[in-house]
Amino acid sequence: MNIKNEKIAVLFGGVSMEREVSLNSGAAVTEALKSLGYDVEGIDTKEFPIEKLKEKGIQRVFNILHGGIGENGVLQGALEQMGIPYTGCGVMASAITLDKFRTKLLWQAVGLPTAEMVVVKRGQAVDSAAIIAKLGLPVFVKPSCEGSSVGVFKVKTEAELQPAIEEALKFDSIVLVEEFLAGAEYSVPVLDGEVLPAVQVIPEGEFYDYHAKYISDNTQYVVPALSDERQAEVAKIVKQAFDVVGCRGWSRIDVMEDANGNFRLVEVNTCPGMTSHSIFPKSAATVGYSFERLVERVLELSA
């Protein structure tokens, strides 16, 4: 089957908190596929109902909707119901990995290393002293089902903890309070089961927040970031993490070092950013992928 003979939709935009980033990713992906001669149409799902894709003659989808319906399995299920192949993870892996809490439970069940956490649910009383006794300070507070660091806070004092949890609960009914990992931060792409070079992220501010990811020009990205030995070590962990949650095609897995230099898994991004600031293309470029070829390879892996 020659995909170039098919009509392809790039789905982007949508209505999640990550809409603006998705618009930028969608524009870049659409332009790349057009430059390679594909019959492609960019579609903002905020403006066009996906149930009408068949009416437009769409035969395959490049999904670049970040967060929300684009990554939680809902879109994937709808496309499968319509018989339209799509890029990225399937229904189950998408649903699991957008939920940081349940992703970590799976990783912990097979002995993979993650940060210690306390789970707070909406309506539940918060015992700040008990949380700090377990995790120490500082801690990170984050909604379980948001991406792009939306609603994430670094808490340095006990007085800051409850307000941070209350703010994070505006984005989700479950919030994670996680121990602070003092080491370096990495993001590790996986393409067709191959773990690409880890990218070290050195944010402008105190952590890799939304501003650092998508707005700041002062965030530094170091790639390749690890020695061959350390890359092999992180690749083994990341490949296991990828497989345990059922990922396919492509994903990006975030990892941090603790104070002793041990790798700890943080989260999975099943629909990674593809903007000028994005990590996946930076890593792929070091092993010979142009942006256009990377986009094409992701499309070739659609199922």
Protein backbone atom coordinates (compact mmCIF):
# COMPACT_ATOMS: atom_id res chain seq x y z
CA MET A 1 0.00 0.00 0.00
CA ASN A 2 1.35 3.39 -0.98
CA ILE A 3 0.37 5.95 1.64
CA LYS A 4 1.13 8.75 -0.82
CA ASN A 5 -1.96 7.69 -2.76
CA GLU A 6 -4.15 8.19 0.30
CA LYS A 7 -5.87 11.34 1.52
CA ILE A 8 -4.36 12.23 4.90
CA ALA A 9 -5.70 14.53 7.60
CA VAL A 10 -3.42 16.16 10.15
CA LEU A 11 -5.60 16.67 13.22
CA PHE A 12 -4.52 19.53 15.47
CA GLY A 13 -5.79 22.38 17.64
CA GLY A 14 -8.79 21.01 19.50
CA VAL A 15 -10.03 22.32 22.82
CA SER A 16 -7.51 21.09 25.41
CA MET A 17 -5.28 23.34 27.53
CA GLU A 18 -2.53 22.57 25.00
CA ARG A 19 -4.42 23.95 21.99
CA GLU A 20 -1.90 26.64 21.05
CA VAL A 21 1.00 24.20 21.07
CA SER A 22 -1.00 21.74 18.97
CA LEU A 23 -1.74 24.45 16.41
CA ASN A 24 1.99 25.07 16.00
CA SER A 25 2.80 21.35 15.82
CA GLY A 26 0.00 20.81 13.30
CA ALA A 27 1.22 23.58 11.02
CA ALA A 28 4.76 22.17 11.03
CA VAL A 29 3.63 18.58 10.38
CA THR A 30 1.23 19.60 7.61
CA GLU A 31 3.91 21.64 5.85
CA ALA A 32 6.43 18.78 6.13
CA LEU A 33 4.06 16.25 4.59
CA LYS A 34 3.08 18.65 1.79
CA SER A 35 6.75 19.23 0.99
CA LEU A 36 7.15 15.45 0.56
CA GLY A 37 4.26 15.27 -1.88
CA TYR A 38 1.55 13.83 0.33
CA ASP A 39 -2.13 14.61 -0.26
CA VAL A 40 -2.67 16.18 3.14
CA GLU A 41 -5.19 18.51 4.77
CA GLY A 42 -4.73 20.20 8.13
CA ILE A 43 -7.90 20.07 10.24
CA ASP A 44 -8.53 21.95 13.48
CA THR A 45 -10.88 19.67 15.39
CA LYS A 46 -12.33 22.64 17.24
CA GLU A 47 -13.81 23.77 13.93
CA PHE A 48 -14.52 20.43 12.25
CA PRO A 49 -16.30 17.37 13.75
CA ILE A 50 -14.17 14.26 13.40
CA GLU A 51 -17.20 12.08 12.63
CA LYS A 52 -17.27 13.73 9.20
CA LEU A 53 -13.74 12.68 8.25
CA LYS A 54 -15.05 9.84 6.09
CA GLU A 55 -17.30 12.27 4.21
CA LYS A 56 -14.19 14.26 3.29
CA GLY A 57 -12.58 11.10 1.94
CA ILE A 58 -9.93 10.95 4.68
CA GLN A 59 -8.13 7.58 4.62
CA ARG A 60 -5.44 8.09 7.29
CA VAL A 61 -4.83 10.47 10.20
CA PHE A 62 -1.68 12.06 11.58
CA ASN A 63 -2.78 12.90 15.11
CA ILE A 64 -0.96 15.88 16.61
CA LEU A 65 -3.65 16.86 19.12
CA HIS A 66 -1.87 17.38 22.44
CA GLY A 67 -3.66 16.56 25.68
CA GLY A 68 -7.34 15.97 26.33
CA ILE A 69 -9.34 14.04 23.74
CA GLY A 70 -6.35 13.83 21.41
CA GLU A 71 -4.31 11.76 23.85
CA ASN A 72 -6.78 10.05 26.19
CA GLY A 73 -8.05 7.30 23.89
CA VAL A 74 -11.33 8.94 22.89
CA LEU A 75 -10.11 10.09 19.47
CA GLN A 76 -8.32 6.80 18.94
CA GLY A 77 -11.50 4.84 19.63
CA ALA A 78 -13.54 7.01 17.27
CA LEU A 79 -11.01 6.57 14.47
CA GLU A 80 -10.95 2.81 14.98
CA GLN A 81 -14.75 2.74 14.85
CA MET A 82 -14.55 4.55 11.49
CA GLY A 83 -11.81 2.26 10.22
CA ILE A 84 -9.29 5.07 9.78
CA PRO A 85 -5.63 4.24 10.60
CA TYR A 86 -3.87 6.82 12.77
CA THR A 87 -0.46 7.67 14.16
CA GLY A 88 0.63 7.02 17.72
CA CYS A 89 -0.62 4.83 20.52
CA GLY A 90 -3.86 2.89 20.57
CA VAL A 91 -6.89 3.32 22.81
CA MET A 92 -5.60 1.55 25.92
CA ALA A 93 -2.10 3.05 25.99
CA SER A 94 -3.45 6.52 25.27
CA ALA A 95 -5.99 6.31 28.09
CA ILE A 96 -3.48 4.97 30.60
CA THR A 97 -0.57 7.29 29.86
CA LEU A 98 -2.54 10.53 30.02
CA ASP A 99 -3.24 9.51 33.62
CA LYS A 100 0.07 9.92 35.47
CA PHE A 101 -1.24 8.18 38.59
CA ARG A 102 -2.22 4.96 36.85
CA THR A 103 0.86 5.01 34.64
CA LYS A 104 3.03 5.10 37.75
CA LEU A 105 1.05 2.28 39.34
CA LEU A 106 1.80 0.06 36.33
CA TRP A 107 5.48 0.96 36.35
CA GLN A 108 5.75 0.35 40.07
CA ALA A 109 4.01 -3.03 39.69
CA VAL A 110 6.85 -4.31 37.50
CA GLY A 111 9.59 -2.72 39.58
CA LEU A 112 10.42 0.27 37.41
CA PRO A 113 11.78 3.31 39.28
CA THR A 114 9.57 6.38 39.79
CA ALA A 115 9.37 9.27 42.25
CA GLU A 116 7.60 8.63 45.55
CA MET A 117 4.11 10.14 45.60
CA VAL A 118 1.08 10.96 47.68
CA VAL A 119 -2.30 11.01 45.92
CA VAL A 120 -4.90 13.65 46.82
CA LYS A 121 -8.45 13.42 45.50
CA ARG A 122 -10.93 16.28 45.19
CA GLY A 123 -12.92 16.64 48.40
CA GLN A 124 -10.31 14.84 50.46
CA ALA A 125 -8.76 16.56 53.49
CA VAL A 126 -5.10 17.45 53.02
CA ASP A 127 -2.67 16.63 55.82
CA SER A 128 0.24 18.82 54.76
CA ALA A 129 2.43 17.79 57.68
CA ALA A 130 2.01 14.08 56.92
CA ILE A 131 2.77 14.60 53.24
CA ILE A 132 5.94 16.53 54.01
CA ALA A 133 6.98 13.96 56.61
CA LYS A 134 6.85 11.31 53.89
CA LEU A 135 8.25 13.24 50.93
CA GLY A 136 10.26 16.10 52.41
CA LEU A 137 10.55 19.52 50.78
CA PRO A 138 10.44 20.78 48.14
CA VAL A 139 7.76 18.73 46.38
CA PHE A 140 6.00 18.91 43.04
CA VAL A 141 2.22 19.15 42.81
CA LYS A 142 0.62 18.15 39.51
CA PRO A 143 -2.80 17.15 38.12
CA SER A 144 -2.87 13.49 37.14
CA CYS A 145 -4.39 14.04 33.69
CA GLU A 146 -2.89 17.23 32.25
CA GLY A 147 0.13 17.70 30.01
CA SER A 148 2.62 20.42 29.11
CA SER A 149 3.14 21.17 32.82
CA VAL A 150 -0.31 22.74 33.07
CA GLY A 151 -1.24 23.14 36.74
CA VAL A 152 2.18 22.01 38.00
CA PHE A 153 3.74 23.74 41.02
CA LYS A 154 7.03 23.47 42.86
CA VAL A 155 6.27 23.80 46.57
CA LYS A 156 9.04 24.85 48.93
CA THR A 157 7.21 25.40 52.23
CA GLU A 158 4.40 23.69 54.12
CA ALA A 159 2.29 26.86 53.88
CA GLU A 160 2.42 26.69 50.06
CA LEU A 161 1.29 23.07 49.82
CA GLN A 162 -2.47 23.30 50.39
CA PRO A 163 -2.97 26.30 48.02
CA ALA A 164 -0.95 24.51 45.32
CA ILE A 165 -3.06 21.37 45.69
CA GLU A 166 -6.28 23.40 45.53
CA GLU A 167 -5.08 25.12 42.36
CA ALA A 168 -4.04 21.84 40.74
CA LEU A 169 -7.44 20.32 41.61
CA LYS A 170 -9.04 22.91 39.30
CA PHE A 171 -7.54 20.93 36.40
CA ASP A 172 -8.30 17.38 37.55
CA SER A 173 -10.01 15.44 40.33
CA ILE A 174 -6.77 13.64 41.23
CA VAL A 175 -3.53 15.42 42.11
CA LEU A 176 -0.11 13.92 42.70
CA VAL A 177 2.33 15.28 45.25
CA GLU A 178 5.75 13.94 44.30
CA GLU A 179 9.13 13.96 45.95
CA PHE A 180 11.66 16.42 44.56
CA LEU A 181 14.28 14.79 42.34
CA ALA A 182 17.46 16.81 42.62
CA GLY A 183 19.29 15.52 39.55
CA ALA A 184 19.20 16.37 35.86
CA GLU A 185 16.05 16.16 33.73
CA TYR A 186 15.91 14.22 30.48
CA SER A 187 13.36 13.52 27.82
CA VAL A 188 13.83 10.29 25.87
CA PRO A 189 12.09 9.69 22.52
CA VAL A 190 11.10 6.23 21.31
CA LEU A 191 10.48 5.65 17.59
CA ASP A 192 9.27 2.26 16.34
CA GLY A 193 10.62 0.60 19.48
CA GLU A 194 14.06 2.22 19.14
CA VAL A 195 15.12 4.46 22.02
CA LEU A 196 16.68 7.64 20.61
CA PRO A 197 19.35 9.73 22.40
CA ALA A 198 18.21 11.31 25.65
CA VAL A 199 17.86 15.09 25.59
CA GLN A 200 18.87 16.92 28.77
CA VAL A 201 16.53 19.81 29.51
CA ILE A 202 18.01 22.80 31.34
CA PRO A 203 15.10 25.19 31.90
CA GLU A 204 15.42 28.94 32.29
CA GLY A 205 13.41 28.88 35.53
CA GLU A 206 13.22 26.47 38.44
CA PHE A 207 11.63 23.65 36.45
CA TYR A 208 10.49 22.77 32.95
CA ASP A 209 7.13 24.53 33.03
CA TYR A 210 4.85 25.65 30.18
CA HIS A 211 6.81 28.87 29.64
CA ALA A 212 10.11 27.01 29.48
CA LYS A 213 8.69 24.43 27.06
CA TYR A 214 6.97 26.64 24.53
CA ILE A 215 7.79 30.31 24.99
CA SER A 216 11.26 30.86 26.39
CA ASP A 217 14.24 30.94 24.04
CA ASN A 218 16.57 30.47 27.03
CA THR A 219 15.74 26.86 27.84
CA GLN A 220 18.74 24.72 26.87
CA TYR A 221 18.56 21.31 25.23
CA VAL A 222 21.66 19.12 25.31
CA VAL A 223 21.76 16.15 22.94
CA PRO A 224 23.32 13.70 23.03
CA ALA A 225 23.37 14.24 26.78
CA LEU A 226 24.70 10.96 28.16
CA SER A 227 27.72 8.70 27.83
CA ASP A 228 27.17 5.48 25.87
CA GLU A 229 26.96 3.56 29.13
CA ARG A 230 24.40 5.88 30.71
CA GLN A 231 22.40 6.06 27.47
CA ALA A 232 22.22 2.25 27.45
CA GLU A 233 21.07 2.32 31.07
CA VAL A 234 18.29 4.83 30.49
CA ALA A 235 17.29 3.16 27.20
CA LYS A 236 16.67 -0.14 28.98
CA ILE A 237 14.39 1.51 31.53
CA VAL A 238 12.58 3.62 28.93
CA LYS A 239 11.98 0.67 26.58
CA GLN A 240 10.47 -1.32 29.47
CA ALA A 241 8.32 1.68 30.43
CA PHE A 242 7.16 2.07 26.80
CA ASP A 243 6.25 -1.60 26.52
CA VAL A 244 4.54 -1.98 29.91
CA VAL A 245 1.91 0.65 29.13
CA GLY A 246 1.39 -0.66 25.59
CA CYS A 247 2.81 2.20 23.53
CA ARG A 248 3.34 1.86 19.79
CA GLY A 249 4.68 4.00 16.96
CA TRP A 250 6.24 6.88 18.80
CA SER A 251 6.21 8.41 22.27
CA ARG A 252 8.47 10.48 24.49
CA ILE A 253 9.23 9.45 28.04
CA ASP A 254 10.44 11.95 30.62
CA VAL A 255 13.05 10.83 33.14
CA MET A 256 14.87 12.53 36.01
CA GLU A 257 17.88 11.67 38.13
CA ASP A 258 17.60 11.61 41.88
CA ALA A 259 20.32 13.03 44.13
CA ASN A 260 22.32 9.81 43.74
CA GLY A 261 22.18 9.83 39.95
CA ASN A 262 19.60 7.05 39.66
CA PHE A 263 17.09 7.38 36.83
CA ARG A 264 13.41 7.76 37.79
CA LEU A 265 10.55 7.64 35.29
CA VAL A 266 8.25 10.67 35.30
CA GLU A 267 5.61 10.39 32.56
CA VAL A 268 4.80 9.44 28.96
CA ASN A 269 3.88 11.80 26.12
CA THR A 270 2.10 9.76 23.43
CA CYS A 271 1.67 12.72 21.08
CA PRO A 272 4.93 14.66 21.43
CA GLY A 273 5.31 18.27 20.43
CA MET A 274 6.60 18.98 16.93
CA THR A 275 7.36 22.71 17.17
CA SER A 276 10.61 24.65 16.83
CA HIS A 277 11.17 24.12 20.57
CA SER A 278 10.30 20.42 20.55
CA ILE A 279 12.52 17.70 21.92
CA PHE A 280 11.66 14.76 19.66
CA PRO A 281 13.00 16.30 16.43
CA LYS A 282 16.11 17.55 18.25
CA SER A 283 16.95 14.00 19.31
CA ALA A 284 16.01 12.40 15.99
CA ALA A 285 18.27 14.83 14.13
CA THR A 286 21.32 13.43 15.95
CA VAL A 287 20.70 10.01 14.40
CA GLY A 288 20.10 11.32 10.89
CA TYR A 289 16.41 12.20 10.72
CA SER A 290 15.48 15.47 9.07
CA PHE A 291 12.24 16.96 10.39
CA GLU A 292 10.46 15.93 7.20
CA ARG A 293 11.75 12.35 7.35
CA LEU A 294 10.77 12.08 11.01
CA VAL A 295 7.23 13.19 10.25
CA GLU A 296 7.06 10.72 7.37
CA ARG A 297 8.36 7.87 9.54
CA VAL A 298 5.73 8.55 12.21
CA LEU A 299 3.08 8.47 9.48
CA GLU A 300 4.46 5.19 8.12
CA LEU A 301 4.05 3.66 11.58
CA SER A 302 0.32 4.51 11.70
CA ALA A 303 -2.03 1.63 12.29
